[in-house]
PDB file of N, CA and C in Angstrom:
ATOM      1  N   MET A   1     171.243  73.382 142.405  1.00  0.00           N
ATOM      2  CA  MET A   1     171.942  74.769 142.165  1.00  0.00           C
ATOM      3  C   MET A   1     171.925  74.675 140.486  1.00  0.00           C
ATOM      4  N   GLY A   2     171.382  73.221 139.925  1.00  0.00           N
ATOM      5  CA  GLY A   2     171.634  73.275 137.981  1.00  0.00           C
ATOM      6  C   GLY A   2     170.038  74.490 138.460  1.00  0.00           C
ATOM      7  N   LYS A   3     168.777  74.129 138.717  1.00  0.00           N
ATOM      8  CA  LYS A   3     168.035  75.193 138.448  1.00  0.00           C
ATOM      9  C   LYS A   3     168.842  76.159 138.284  1.00  0.00           C
ATOM     10  N   TYR A   4     169.559  77.299 139.773  1.00  0.00           N
ATOM     11  CA  TYR A   4     170.153  77.676 139.582  1.00  0.00           C
ATOM     12  C   TYR A   4     171.107  78.586 138.518  1.00  0.00           C
ATOM     13  N   ILE A   5     171.497  77.901 137.863  1.00  0.00           N
ATOM     14  CA  ILE A   5     172.506  77.769 136.888  1.00  0.00           C
ATOM     15  C   ILE A   5     171.168  78.040 135.419  1.00  0.00           C
ATOM     16  N   VAL A   6     170.528  77.515 135.022  1.00  0.00           N
ATOM     17  CA  VAL A   6     169.338  76.989 133.620  1.00  0.00           C
ATOM     18  C   VAL A   6     168.740  78.815 134.626  1.00  0.00           C
ATOM     19  N   ARG A   7     168.369  79.136 135.072  1.00  0.00           N
ATOM     20  CA  ARG A   7     167.876  80.456 135.252  1.00  0.00           C
ATOM     21  C   ARG A   7     168.954  81.689 134.995  1.00  0.00           C
ATOM     22  N   ARG A   8     170.604  81.145 135.574  1.00  0.00           N
ATOM     23  CA  ARG A   8     171.385  82.378 134.881  1.00  0.00           C
ATOM     24  C   ARG A   8     171.358  82.712 133.510  1.00  0.00           C
ATOM     25  N   LEU A   9     171.434  81.021 133.174  1.00  0.00           N
ATOM     26  CA  LEU A   9     171.649  81.413 131.746  1.00  0.00           C
ATOM     27  C   LEU A   9     170.652  81.934 130.666  1.00  0.00           C
ATOM     28  N   LEU A  10     169.042  81.217 131.332  1.00  0.00           N
ATOM     29  CA  LEU A  10     168.054  81.957 130.905  1.00  0.00           C
ATOM     30  C   LEU A  10     167.751  83.370 130.742  1.00  0.00           C
ATOM     31  N   TRP A  11     168.078  84.267 131.888  1.00  0.00           N
ATOM     32  CA  TRP A  11     167.544  85.544 132.232  1.00  0.00           C
ATOM     33  C   TRP A  11     169.276  86.406 131.214  1.00  0.00           C
ATOM     34  N   MET A  12     169.976  85.604 130.614  1.00  0.00           N
ATOM     35  CA  MET A  12     171.365  86.249 129.990  1.00  0.00           C
ATOM     36  C   MET A  12     171.410  85.997 128.751  1.00  0.00           C
ATOM     37  N   VAL A  13     170.459  84.858 128.202  1.00  0.00           N
ATOM     38  CA  VAL A  13     169.991  85.191 126.856  1.00  0.00           C
ATOM     39  C   VAL A  13     168.703  86.491 126.560  1.00  0.00           C
ATOM     40  N   VAL A  14     167.970  87.209 128.064  1.00  0.00           N
ATOM     41  CA  VAL A  14     166.616  87.827 127.206  1.00  0.00           C
ATOM     42  C   VAL A  14     167.530  88.869 127.765  1.00  0.00           C
ATOM     43  N   VAL A  15     169.179  89.235 128.675  1.00  0.00           N
ATOM     44  CA  VAL A  15     169.528  90.484 128.533  1.00  0.00           C
ATOM     45  C   VAL A  15     170.260  90.821 127.661  1.00  0.00           C
ATOM     46  N   LEU A  16     170.910  89.851 126.782  1.00  0.00           N
ATOM     47  CA  LEU A  16     171.789  90.511 125.383  1.00  0.00           C
ATOM     48  C   LEU A  16     170.232  90.566 124.517  1.00  0.00           C
ATOM     49  N   PHE A  17     169.417  89.934 124.450  1.00  0.00           N
ATOM     50  CA  PHE A  17     168.415  90.229 122.880  1.00  0.00           C
ATOM     51  C   PHE A  17     168.341  91.787 123.377  1.00  0.00           C
ATOM     52  N   PHE A  18     167.497  91.915 124.923  1.00  0.00           N
ATOM     53  CA  PHE A  18     167.430  93.548 124.936  1.00  0.00           C
ATOM     54  C   PHE A  18     168.372  94.879 124.437  1.00  0.00           C
ATOM     55  N   VAL A  19     169.638  93.958 125.200  1.00  0.00           N
ATOM     56  CA  VAL A  19     170.831  95.479 124.922  1.00  0.00           C
ATOM     57  C   VAL A  19     170.705  95.120 123.226  1.00  0.00           C
ATOM     58  N   SER A  20     170.808  94.145 122.965  1.00  0.00           N
ATOM     59  CA  SER A  20     170.940  94.134 121.333  1.00  0.00           C
ATOM     60  C   SER A  20     170.285  95.076 120.865  1.00  0.00           C
ATOM     61  N   LEU A  21     168.588  94.960 120.960  1.00  0.00           N
ATOM     62  CA  LEU A  21     167.693  95.766 120.769  1.00  0.00           C
ATOM     63  C   LEU A  21     167.927  97.430 120.655  1.00  0.00           C
ATOM     64  N   ILE A  22     168.803  96.848 121.822  1.00  0.00           N
ATOM     65  CA  ILE A  22     168.298  99.006 122.363  1.00  0.00           C
ATOM     66  C   ILE A  22     170.183  99.297 121.488  1.00  0.00           C
ATOM     67  N   THR A  23     170.439  98.729 121.537  1.00  0.00           N
ATOM     68  CA  THR A  23     171.940  99.016 120.378  1.00  0.00           C
ATOM     69  C   THR A  23     171.961  99.553 119.351  1.00  0.00           C
ATOM     70  N   PHE A  24     170.675  98.307 118.740  1.00  0.00           N
ATOM     71  CA  PHE A  24     170.200  98.759 116.932  1.00  0.00           C
ATOM     72  C   PHE A  24     169.174  99.822 116.976  1.00  0.00           C
ATOM     73  N   LEU A  25     168.415 100.274 117.942  1.00  0.00           N
ATOM     74  CA  LEU A  25     167.278 101.340 117.715  1.00  0.00           C
ATOM     75  C   LEU A  25     167.922 102.389 118.511  1.00  0.00           C
ATOM     76  N   ILE A  26     169.039 102.081 119.221  1.00  0.00           N
ATOM     77  CA  ILE A  26     169.756 103.972 119.163  1.00  0.00           C
ATOM     78  C   ILE A  26     170.733 104.079 118.135  1.00  0.00           C
ATOM     79  N   ALA A  27     171.249 102.927 117.117  1.00  0.00           N
ATOM     80  CA  ALA A  27     172.519 103.412 116.089  1.00  0.00           C
ATOM     81  C   ALA A  27     171.362 104.141 114.952  1.00  0.00           C
ATOM     82  N   TYR A  28     170.336 103.301 114.662  1.00  0.00           N
ATOM     83  CA  TYR A  28     168.602 103.306 113.884  1.00  0.00           C
ATOM     84  C   TYR A  28     168.410 105.167 114.303  1.00  0.00           C
ATOM     85  N   ALA A  29     168.553 105.249 115.584  1.00  0.00           N
ATOM     86  CA  ALA A  29     167.674 106.968 116.188  1.00  0.00           C
ATOM     87  C   ALA A  29     169.044 108.131 115.824  1.00  0.00           C
ATOM     88  N   VAL A  30     169.894 107.851 115.456  1.00  0.00           N
ATOM     89  CA  VAL A  30     170.646 108.470 115.437  1.00  0.00           C
ATOM     90  C   VAL A  30     170.363 109.682 114.414  1.00  0.00           C
ATOM     91  N   PRO A  31     170.658 111.190 114.670  1.00  0.00           N
ATOM     92  CA  PRO A  31     170.131 111.506 113.035  1.00  0.00           C
ATOM     93  C   PRO A  31     170.885 111.584 112.042  1.00  0.00           C
ATOM     94  N   GLY A  32     170.446 112.133 111.225  1.00  0.00           N
ATOM     95  CA  GLY A  32     171.224 112.343 109.813  1.00  0.00           C
ATOM     96  C   GLY A  32     171.432 110.963 108.713  1.00  0.00           C
ATOM     97  N   ASP A  33     170.570 111.272 107.847  1.00  0.00           N
ATOM     98  CA  ASP A  33     171.469 109.904 106.809  1.00  0.00           C
ATOM     99  C   ASP A  33     172.781 109.050 106.661  1.00  0.00           C
ATOM    100  N   PRO A  34     172.673 108.337 107.416  1.00  0.00           N
ATOM    101  CA  PRO A  34     174.124 107.500 106.924  1.00  0.00           C
ATOM    102  C   PRO A  34     174.725 107.299 105.476  1.00  0.00           C
ATOM    103  N   VAL A  35     173.425 107.332 104.651  1.00  0.00           N
ATOM    104  CA  VAL A  35     173.852 107.114 103.021  1.00  0.00           C
ATOM    105  C   VAL A  35     174.409 108.599 102.926  1.00  0.00           C
ATOM    106  N   LYS A  36     174.134 109.557 102.910  1.00  0.00           N
ATOM    107  CA  LYS A  36     174.567 111.227 102.578  1.00  0.00           C
ATOM    108  C   LYS A  36     175.807 110.639 103.521  1.00  0.00           C
ATOM    109  N   GLY A  37     176.214 110.294 104.505  1.00  0.00           N
ATOM    110  CA  GLY A  37     177.717 110.257 105.337  1.00  0.00           C
ATOM    111  C   GLY A  37     178.649 109.696 104.668  1.00  0.00           C
ATOM    112  N   ILE A  38     178.048 108.374 104.098  1.00  0.00           N
ATOM    113  CA  ILE A  38     178.413 107.715 102.813  1.00  0.00           C
ATOM    114  C   ILE A  38     179.580 108.076 102.038  1.00  0.00           C
ATOM    115  N   THR A  39     178.250 108.311 100.919  1.00  0.00           N
ATOM    116  CA  THR A  39     178.593 108.934  99.863  1.00  0.00           C
ATOM    117  C   THR A  39     179.089 110.625  99.630  1.00  0.00           C
ATOM    118  N   GLY A  40     178.896 111.130 100.519  1.00  0.00           N
ATOM    119  CA  GLY A  40     178.675 112.708 100.411  1.00  0.00           C
ATOM    120  C   GLY A  40     178.119 113.212 100.160  1.00  0.00           C
ATOM    121  N   PRO A  41     177.906 114.646  99.899  1.00  0.00           N
ATOM    122  CA  PRO A  41     176.865 116.009  99.587  1.00  0.00           C
ATOM    123  C   PRO A  41     176.676 116.192  98.561  1.00  0.00           C
ATOM    124  N   HIS A  42     177.272 115.498  97.931  1.00  0.00           N
ATOM    125  CA  HIS A  42     176.842 115.286  96.559  1.00  0.00           C
ATOM    126  C   HIS A  42     176.840 114.577  95.246  1.00  0.00           C
ATOM    127  N   ALA A  43     176.982 113.084  95.898  1.00  0.00           N
ATOM    128  CA  ALA A  43     176.267 112.250  95.012  1.00  0.00           C
ATOM    129  C   ALA A  43     174.998 111.937  94.841  1.00  0.00           C
ATOM    130  N   THR A  44     174.987 111.451  93.286  1.00  0.00           N
ATOM    131  CA  THR A  44     173.612 111.172  92.958  1.00  0.00           C
ATOM    132  C   THR A  44     172.364 110.496  93.269  1.00  0.00           C
ATOM    133  N   ALA A  45     171.361 110.413  92.933  1.00  0.00           N
ATOM    134  CA  ALA A  45     170.225 109.789  94.519  1.00  0.00           C
ATOM    135  C   ALA A  45     170.106 108.596  93.564  1.00  0.00           C
ATOM    136  N   GLU A  46     170.659 108.423  92.428  1.00  0.00           N
ATOM    137  CA  GLU A  46     171.189 106.745  92.141  1.00  0.00           C
ATOM    138  C   GLU A  46     172.091 106.057  92.547  1.00  0.00           C
ATOM    139  N   THR A  47     173.127 106.668  93.296  1.00  0.00           N
ATOM    140  CA  THR A  47     174.619 106.098  94.071  1.00  0.00           C
ATOM    141  C   THR A  47     173.652 105.803  95.514  1.00  0.00           C
ATOM    142  N   GLN A  48     173.525 106.976  95.952  1.00  0.00           N
ATOM    143  CA  GLN A  48     172.503 106.783  97.469  1.00  0.00           C
ATOM    144  C   GLN A  48     171.562 106.031  97.490  1.00  0.00           C
ATOM    145  N   ALA A  49     170.810 105.531  96.320  1.00  0.00           N
ATOM    146  CA  ALA A  49     169.547 104.681  95.826  1.00  0.00           C
ATOM    147  C   ALA A  49     170.699 103.139  95.985  1.00  0.00           C
ATOM    148  N   ARG A  50     171.761 102.859  95.399  1.00  0.00           N
ATOM    149  CA  ARG A  50     172.501 101.602  95.450  1.00  0.00           C
ATOM    150  C   ARG A  50     173.116 101.396  96.754  1.00  0.00           C
ATOM    151  N   VAL A  51     173.468 102.191  96.897  1.00  0.00           N
ATOM    152  CA  VAL A  51     174.765 102.038  98.914  1.00  0.00           C
ATOM    153  C   VAL A  51     173.294 101.708  99.594  1.00  0.00           C
ATOM    154  N   ARG A  52     171.627 102.690  99.426  1.00  0.00           N
ATOM    155  CA  ARG A  52     170.675 101.955 100.362  1.00  0.00           C
ATOM    156  C   ARG A  52     170.886 101.111 100.524  1.00  0.00           C
ATOM    157  N   GLU A  53     170.030  99.941  98.807  1.00  0.00           N
ATOM    158  CA  GLU A  53     170.525  99.074  98.533  1.00  0.00           C
ATOM    159  C   GLU A  53     171.187  98.248  99.668  1.00  0.00           C
ATOM    160  N   GLU A  54     171.976  98.512  98.675  1.00  0.00           N
ATOM    161  CA  GLU A  54     173.579  97.293  99.054  1.00  0.00           C
ATOM    162  C   GLU A  54     173.620  97.197 101.344  1.00  0.00           C
ATOM    163  N   LEU A  55     173.202  98.605 101.433  1.00  0.00           N
ATOM    164  CA  LEU A  55     173.511  97.893 102.868  1.00  0.00           C
ATOM    165  C   LEU A  55     172.229  97.737 103.329  1.00  0.00           C
ATOM    166  N   GLY A  56     170.928  97.164 102.759  1.00  0.00           N
ATOM    167  CA  GLY A  56     169.949  96.565 103.372  1.00  0.00           C
ATOM    168  C   GLY A  56     169.419  97.873 104.088  1.00  0.00           C
ATOM    169  N   LEU A  57     169.447  99.333 104.087  1.00  0.00           N
ATOM    170  CA  LEU A  57     169.052 100.226 104.418  1.00  0.00           C
ATOM    171  C   LEU A  57     167.027 100.356 104.061  1.00  0.00           C
ATOM    172  N   ASP A  58     166.948  99.744 102.420  1.00  0.00           N
ATOM    173  CA  ASP A  58     165.977 100.216 102.391  1.00  0.00           C
ATOM    174  C   ASP A  58     164.613  98.738 102.873  1.00  0.00           C
ATOM    175  N   LYS A  59     165.392  97.987 103.389  1.00  0.00           N
ATOM    176  CA  LYS A  59     164.243  97.343 104.542  1.00  0.00           C
ATOM    177  C   LYS A  59     163.644  98.015 105.174  1.00  0.00           C
ATOM    178  N   PRO A  60     162.340  96.667 105.550  1.00  0.00           N
ATOM    179  CA  PRO A  60     161.804  97.467 106.831  1.00  0.00           C
ATOM    180  C   PRO A  60     162.668  97.672 108.159  1.00  0.00           C
ATOM    181  N   LEU A  61     162.442  98.331 110.104  1.00  0.00           N
ATOM    182  CA  LEU A  61     163.392  97.977 110.639  1.00  0.00           C
ATOM    183  C   LEU A  61     163.392  96.995 110.991  1.00  0.00           C
ATOM    184  N   TRP A  62     162.478  96.290 111.322  1.00  0.00           N
ATOM    185  CA  TRP A  62     162.242  94.800 111.619  1.00  0.00           C
ATOM    186  C   TRP A  62     163.138  94.018 110.977  1.00  0.00           C
ATOM    187  N   THR A  63     163.090  93.477 109.399  1.00  0.00           N
ATOM    188  CA  THR A  63     164.146  92.870 108.803  1.00  0.00           C
ATOM    189  C   THR A  63     165.720  93.162 108.599  1.00  0.00           C
ATOM    190  N   GLN A  64     165.592  94.766 109.341  1.00  0.00           N
ATOM    191  CA  GLN A  64     167.577  94.930 109.455  1.00  0.00           C
ATOM    192  C   GLN A  64     167.670  94.522 110.200  1.00  0.00           C
ATOM    193  N   TYR A  65     166.817  94.671 111.807  1.00  0.00           N
ATOM    194  CA  TYR A  65     167.177  93.943 113.040  1.00  0.00           C
ATOM    195  C   TYR A  65     167.379  92.007 112.802  1.00  0.00           C
ATOM    196  N   GLY A  66     166.667  91.812 112.599  1.00  0.00           N
ATOM    197  CA  GLY A  66     166.965  90.439 112.405  1.00  0.00           C
ATOM    198  C   GLY A  66     168.390  90.041 111.064  1.00  0.00           C
ATOM    199  N   ILE A  67     168.636  90.887 110.478  1.00  0.00           N
ATOM    200  CA  ILE A  67     170.197  90.780 109.470  1.00  0.00           C
ATOM    201  C   ILE A  67     171.420  91.121 110.500  1.00  0.00           C
ATOM    202  N   TYR A  68     171.045  92.367 111.228  1.00  0.00           N
ATOM    203  CA  TYR A  68     171.391  92.650 112.374  1.00  0.00           C
ATOM    204  C   TYR A  68     172.427  91.289 113.414  1.00  0.00           C
ATOM    205  N   MET A  69     170.723  90.833 113.867  1.00  0.00           N
ATOM    206  CA  MET A  69     171.152  89.354 114.877  1.00  0.00           C
ATOM    207  C   MET A  69     172.157  88.797 114.229  1.00  0.00           C
ATOM    208  N   LYS A  70     171.465  88.351 113.109  1.00  0.00           N
ATOM    209  CA  LYS A  70     172.307  86.903 111.937  1.00  0.00           C
ATOM    210  C   LYS A  70     173.337  87.222 112.460  1.00  0.00           C
ATOM    211  N   ASN A  71     174.122  88.470 111.544  1.00  0.00           N
ATOM    212  CA  ASN A  71     175.428  88.337 111.330  1.00  0.00           C
ATOM    213  C   ASN A  71     176.158  88.672 112.813  1.00  0.00           C
ATOM    214  N   LEU A  72     175.659  89.387 113.814  1.00  0.00           N
ATOM    215  CA  LEU A  72     176.017  88.949 115.209  1.00  0.00           C
ATOM    216  C   LEU A  72     175.994  88.366 115.516  1.00  0.00           C
ATOM    217  N   VAL A  73     175.424  87.312 115.615  1.00  0.00           N
ATOM    218  CA  VAL A  73     176.008  85.749 115.817  1.00  0.00           C
ATOM    219  C   VAL A  73     176.756  84.900 114.871  1.00  0.00           C
ATOM    220  N   ARG A  74     176.664  85.016 114.218  1.00  0.00           N
ATOM    221  CA  ARG A  74     177.628  84.688 112.846  1.00  0.00           C
ATOM    222  C   ARG A  74     179.651  85.508 113.061  1.00  0.00           C
ATOM    223  N   GLY A  75     179.572  86.361 113.555  1.00  0.00           N
ATOM    224  CA  GLY A  75     181.066  87.163 114.135  1.00  0.00           C
ATOM    225  C   GLY A  75     181.006  88.606 113.202  1.00  0.00           C
ATOM    226  N   ASP A  76     180.029  88.385 111.792  1.00  0.00           N
ATOM    227  CA  ASP A  76     180.608  89.643 110.876  1.00  0.00           C
ATOM    228  C   ASP A  76     179.644  90.838 111.271  1.00  0.00           C
ATOM    229  N   LEU A  77     180.072  91.666 111.757  1.00  0.00           N
ATOM    230  CA  LEU A  77     179.921  93.046 112.029  1.00  0.00           C
ATOM    231  C   LEU A  77     180.207  94.275 111.139  1.00  0.00           C
ATOM    232  N   GLY A  78     180.744  93.708 109.339  1.00  0.00           N
ATOM    233  CA  GLY A  78     180.499  94.175 108.470  1.00  0.00           C
ATOM    234  C   GLY A  78     181.963  94.892 107.907  1.00  0.00           C
ATOM    235  N   TYR A  79     181.260  96.407 107.469  1.00  0.00           N
ATOM    236  CA  TYR A  79     182.742  96.858 107.206  1.00  0.00           C
ATOM    237  C   TYR A  79     183.173  98.458 107.756  1.00  0.00           C
ATOM    238  N   SER A  80     184.061  98.882 107.942  1.00  0.00           N
ATOM    239  CA  SER A  80     184.061 100.141 108.398  1.00  0.00           C
ATOM    240  C   SER A  80     184.301 100.541 107.618  1.00  0.00           C
ATOM    241  N   TYR A  81     183.443 102.190 107.442  1.00  0.00           N
ATOM    242  CA  TYR A  81     183.030 102.776 106.463  1.00  0.00           C
ATOM    243  C   TYR A  81     183.848 103.689 106.421  1.00  0.00           C
ATOM    244  N   ILE A  82     185.242 104.012 107.024  1.00  0.00           N
ATOM    245  CA  ILE A  82     186.574 104.474 107.273  1.00  0.00           C
ATOM    246  C   ILE A  82     187.548 104.505 106.187  1.00  0.00           C
ATOM    247  N   THR A  83     187.999 103.028 107.278  1.00  0.00           N
ATOM    248  CA  THR A  83     188.842 102.608 106.677  1.00  0.00           C
ATOM    249  C   THR A  83     188.772 100.992 104.940  1.00  0.00           C
ATOM    250  N   GLN A  84     187.548 101.071 105.155  1.00  0.00           N
ATOM    251  CA  GLN A  84     186.957  99.845 104.013  1.00  0.00           C
ATOM    252  C   GLN A  84     187.510  98.538 104.600  1.00  0.00           C
ATOM    253  N   ARG A  85     187.870  98.525 106.184  1.00  0.00           N
ATOM    254  CA  ARG A  85     187.764  96.861 106.115  1.00  0.00           C
ATOM    255  C   ARG A  85     187.539  96.318 107.279  1.00  0.00           C
ATOM    256  N   PRO A  86     187.224  94.968 107.683  1.00  0.00           N
ATOM    257  CA  PRO A  86     186.220  94.184 108.312  1.00  0.00           C
ATOM    258  C   PRO A  86     186.256  94.793 109.701  1.00  0.00           C
ATOM    259  N   VAL A  87     185.243  95.011 110.227  1.00  0.00           N
ATOM    260  CA  VAL A  87     185.262  95.018 112.012  1.00  0.00           C
ATOM    261  C   VAL A  87     186.005  94.239 112.377  1.00  0.00           C
TER     262      VAL A  87
END
């Protein structure tokens, strides 16, 4: 019985990892630039670069995923772009 529970817990970790990876990649693959959606169409290049840096979008994909996982484990899902309140 104990081996069964351990095996199920290990599979749960693997499944949760792949679900989080797929969720992250789907959000990354959505067409359009999220920075332009946040700053609006008339924002300057400097403003867009600042927002891109604040959101960490200037970092490599795997670094972004690592930050995403760290924040997910801590329960920090960021801020809503619409209401500017914590999610």
